Amino acid sequence: MSKALTFKLNVNREEAMRYYRGEASTVIVRTDDGKALQFPASHVRRFITQHGIHGHFRIVFDQNNKLLSLTRNGDA
């Protein structure tokens, strides 16, 4: 059984580049329902733009907390 959480992410360009270069290995966010969530930064690299990372995201993971998917709301 999978579980989904949603959260907002607003990361400036400099911090996003730390994720891109691997200098920051984890992303720590507060979900929309107030839970702390930590996951590998490698999963946000594809969302980096010249302005950083901005948007509302949905993360899905399995019963063993293995990340199954990460999507930005509005992405196909």
N, C-alpha and C. Protein backbone atom coordinates (compact mmCIF):
# COMPACT_ATOMS: atom_id res chain seq x y z
N MET A 1 0.84 -1.18 0.00
CA MET A 1 0.00 0.00 0.00
C MET A 1 0.89 1.24 0.00
N SER A 2 0.63 2.15 -0.93
CA SER A 2 1.46 3.35 -1.01
C SER A 2 0.81 4.50 -0.25
N LYS A 3 1.62 5.49 0.07
CA LYS A 3 1.17 6.66 0.81
C LYS A 3 1.67 7.89 0.07
N ALA A 4 0.83 8.93 0.02
CA ALA A 4 1.21 10.16 -0.67
C ALA A 4 1.14 11.34 0.29
N LEU A 5 2.09 12.26 0.13
CA LEU A 5 2.12 13.50 0.89
C LEU A 5 2.35 14.64 -0.08
N THR A 6 1.88 15.83 0.27
CA THR A 6 2.11 17.00 -0.57
C THR A 6 2.84 18.07 0.24
N PHE A 7 3.60 18.90 -0.47
CA PHE A 7 4.36 19.96 0.18
C PHE A 7 4.72 21.04 -0.82
N LYS A 8 5.01 22.23 -0.32
CA LYS A 8 5.50 23.32 -1.15
C LYS A 8 7.00 23.40 -1.02
N LEU A 9 7.65 23.73 -2.12
CA LEU A 9 9.10 23.87 -2.11
C LEU A 9 9.45 25.17 -2.82
N ASN A 10 10.14 26.04 -2.12
CA ASN A 10 10.61 27.30 -2.69
C ASN A 10 12.08 27.43 -2.32
N VAL A 11 12.93 27.06 -3.26
CA VAL A 11 14.37 27.04 -3.04
C VAL A 11 15.02 28.00 -4.03
N ASN A 12 15.85 28.90 -3.52
CA ASN A 12 16.51 29.85 -4.42
C ASN A 12 17.56 29.14 -5.27
N ARG A 13 18.07 29.84 -6.24
CA ARG A 13 19.01 29.27 -7.21
C ARG A 13 20.26 28.70 -6.54
N GLU A 14 20.82 29.44 -5.58
CA GLU A 14 22.06 28.99 -4.93
C GLU A 14 21.85 27.67 -4.20
N GLU A 15 20.75 27.55 -3.45
CA GLU A 15 20.48 26.31 -2.73
C GLU A 15 20.18 25.18 -3.71
N ALA A 16 19.46 25.47 -4.77
CA ALA A 16 19.16 24.45 -5.78
C ALA A 16 20.44 23.92 -6.40
N MET A 17 21.41 24.77 -6.61
CA MET A 17 22.68 24.34 -7.19
C MET A 17 23.44 23.43 -6.21
N ARG A 18 23.27 23.63 -4.93
CA ARG A 18 23.87 22.72 -3.93
C ARG A 18 23.28 21.32 -4.09
N TYR A 19 21.98 21.23 -4.35
CA TYR A 19 21.35 19.93 -4.62
C TYR A 19 21.89 19.34 -5.91
N TYR A 20 22.01 20.18 -6.93
CA TYR A 20 22.48 19.73 -8.24
C TYR A 20 23.90 19.17 -8.17
N ARG A 21 24.77 19.87 -7.45
CA ARG A 21 26.18 19.46 -7.35
C ARG A 21 26.41 18.34 -6.35
N GLY A 22 25.38 18.00 -5.57
CA GLY A 22 25.51 16.95 -4.57
C GLY A 22 26.09 17.42 -3.26
N GLU A 23 26.23 18.73 -3.09
CA GLU A 23 26.76 19.28 -1.83
C GLU A 23 25.74 19.13 -0.70
N ALA A 24 24.46 19.16 -1.05
CA ALA A 24 23.38 18.91 -0.09
C ALA A 24 22.74 17.59 -0.51
N SER A 25 22.78 16.61 0.35
CA SER A 25 22.33 15.27 -0.05
C SER A 25 20.87 14.99 0.27
N THR A 26 20.27 15.79 1.15
CA THR A 26 18.87 15.55 1.49
C THR A 26 18.06 16.84 1.43
N VAL A 27 16.78 16.67 1.16
CA VAL A 27 15.82 17.77 1.20
C VAL A 27 14.96 17.53 2.44
N ILE A 28 14.77 18.57 3.23
CA ILE A 28 13.92 18.47 4.40
C ILE A 28 12.82 19.52 4.24
N VAL A 29 11.57 19.06 4.28
CA VAL A 29 10.42 19.95 4.11
C VAL A 29 9.38 19.66 5.17
N ARG A 30 8.42 20.56 5.27
CA ARG A 30 7.25 20.36 6.11
C ARG A 30 6.09 20.12 5.15
N THR A 31 5.41 18.99 5.32
CA THR A 31 4.30 18.65 4.44
C THR A 31 3.10 19.55 4.73
N ASP A 32 2.13 19.53 3.82
CA ASP A 32 0.93 20.35 3.98
C ASP A 32 0.18 20.03 5.27
N ASP A 33 0.31 18.79 5.75
CA ASP A 33 -0.37 18.42 6.99
C ASP A 33 0.54 18.53 8.22
N GLY A 34 1.70 19.20 8.06
CA GLY A 34 2.55 19.52 9.20
C GLY A 34 3.62 18.52 9.57
N LYS A 35 3.77 17.44 8.80
CA LYS A 35 4.79 16.43 9.11
C LYS A 35 6.15 16.84 8.54
N ALA A 36 7.20 16.48 9.24
CA ALA A 36 8.54 16.68 8.72
C ALA A 36 8.84 15.54 7.76
N LEU A 37 9.43 15.87 6.61
CA LEU A 37 9.74 14.88 5.59
C LEU A 37 11.15 15.11 5.08
N GLN A 38 11.91 14.04 4.98
CA GLN A 38 13.28 14.10 4.48
C GLN A 38 13.42 13.06 3.38
N PHE A 39 14.05 13.46 2.25
CA PHE A 39 14.26 12.52 1.15
C PHE A 39 15.52 12.93 0.38
N PRO A 40 16.08 12.02 -0.42
CA PRO A 40 17.31 12.31 -1.15
C PRO A 40 17.16 13.47 -2.13
N ALA A 41 18.12 14.37 -2.12
CA ALA A 41 18.09 15.55 -2.99
C ALA A 41 18.15 15.19 -4.46
N SER A 42 18.67 14.02 -4.78
CA SER A 42 18.76 13.63 -6.19
C SER A 42 17.40 13.62 -6.87
N HIS A 43 16.33 13.46 -6.10
CA HIS A 43 14.98 13.41 -6.67
C HIS A 43 14.46 14.77 -7.12
N VAL A 44 15.05 15.86 -6.64
CA VAL A 44 14.57 17.19 -7.06
C VAL A 44 15.40 17.79 -8.19
N ARG A 45 16.46 17.15 -8.57
CA ARG A 45 17.35 17.73 -9.59
C ARG A 45 16.63 18.05 -10.89
N ARG A 46 15.71 17.21 -11.29
CA ARG A 46 15.01 17.44 -12.57
C ARG A 46 14.06 18.64 -12.53
N PHE A 47 13.79 19.16 -11.33
CA PHE A 47 12.89 20.31 -11.20
C PHE A 47 13.64 21.64 -11.10
N ILE A 48 14.97 21.60 -11.14
CA ILE A 48 15.77 22.82 -11.01
C ILE A 48 15.69 23.64 -12.28
N THR A 49 15.40 24.93 -12.12
CA THR A 49 15.40 25.87 -13.23
C THR A 49 16.43 26.95 -12.92
N GLN A 50 16.55 27.91 -13.80
CA GLN A 50 17.49 29.00 -13.55
C GLN A 50 17.10 29.84 -12.34
N HIS A 51 15.86 29.69 -11.86
CA HIS A 51 15.38 30.45 -10.71
C HIS A 51 15.38 29.62 -9.43
N GLY A 52 15.73 28.35 -9.51
CA GLY A 52 15.72 27.48 -8.33
C GLY A 52 14.69 26.38 -8.49
N ILE A 53 14.03 26.04 -7.39
CA ILE A 53 12.97 25.03 -7.40
C ILE A 53 11.77 25.64 -6.70
N HIS A 54 10.67 25.72 -7.43
CA HIS A 54 9.46 26.34 -6.88
C HIS A 54 8.24 25.55 -7.31
N GLY A 55 7.35 25.31 -6.37
CA GLY A 55 6.10 24.66 -6.72
C GLY A 55 5.52 23.85 -5.58
N HIS A 56 4.41 23.21 -5.90
CA HIS A 56 3.72 22.33 -4.96
C HIS A 56 3.92 20.92 -5.47
N PHE A 57 4.41 20.03 -4.62
CA PHE A 57 4.83 18.70 -5.02
C PHE A 57 4.03 17.61 -4.32
N ARG A 58 4.01 16.45 -4.96
CA ARG A 58 3.38 15.25 -4.39
C ARG A 58 4.42 14.15 -4.41
N ILE A 59 4.64 13.55 -3.24
CA ILE A 59 5.59 12.45 -3.11
C ILE A 59 4.82 11.20 -2.73
N VAL A 60 5.17 10.08 -3.36
CA VAL A 60 4.52 8.81 -3.07
C VAL A 60 5.60 7.82 -2.66
N PHE A 61 5.34 7.09 -1.57
CA PHE A 61 6.28 6.08 -1.13
C PHE A 61 5.52 4.85 -0.67
N ASP A 62 6.23 3.72 -0.61
CA ASP A 62 5.59 2.45 -0.25
C ASP A 62 5.60 2.24 1.26
N GLN A 63 5.10 1.08 1.68
CA GLN A 63 4.98 0.78 3.11
C GLN A 63 6.33 0.70 3.81
N ASN A 64 7.41 0.53 3.04
CA ASN A 64 8.77 0.50 3.60
C ASN A 64 9.46 1.86 3.49
N ASN A 65 8.68 2.89 3.17
CA ASN A 65 9.17 4.27 2.99
C ASN A 65 10.12 4.43 1.83
N LYS A 66 10.04 3.55 0.84
CA LYS A 66 10.83 3.71 -0.38
C LYS A 66 10.10 4.69 -1.29
N LEU A 67 10.81 5.71 -1.75
CA LEU A 67 10.21 6.71 -2.60
C LEU A 67 9.85 6.09 -3.95
N LEU A 68 8.59 6.22 -4.33
CA LEU A 68 8.12 5.68 -5.61
C LEU A 68 8.04 6.74 -6.69
N SER A 69 7.60 7.96 -6.32
CA SER A 69 7.52 9.02 -7.31
C SER A 69 7.50 10.38 -6.63
N LEU A 70 7.95 11.37 -7.38
CA LEU A 70 7.90 12.76 -6.94
C LEU A 70 7.47 13.57 -8.16
N THR A 71 6.36 14.26 -8.05
CA THR A 71 5.85 15.07 -9.16
C THR A 71 5.50 16.45 -8.66
N ARG A 72 5.64 17.41 -9.56
CA ARG A 72 5.19 18.77 -9.24
C ARG A 72 3.76 18.89 -9.73
N ASN A 73 2.87 19.37 -8.88
CA ASN A 73 1.48 19.53 -9.29
C ASN A 73 1.41 20.42 -10.52
N GLY A 74 0.69 19.94 -11.50
CA GLY A 74 0.60 20.64 -12.78
C GLY A 74 1.47 20.00 -13.84
N ASP A 75 2.44 19.15 -13.43
CA ASP A 75 3.28 18.43 -14.38
C ASP A 75 2.52 17.22 -14.89
N ALA A 76 2.78 16.87 -16.11
CA ALA A 76 2.12 15.68 -16.70
C ALA A 76 2.83 14.41 -16.27
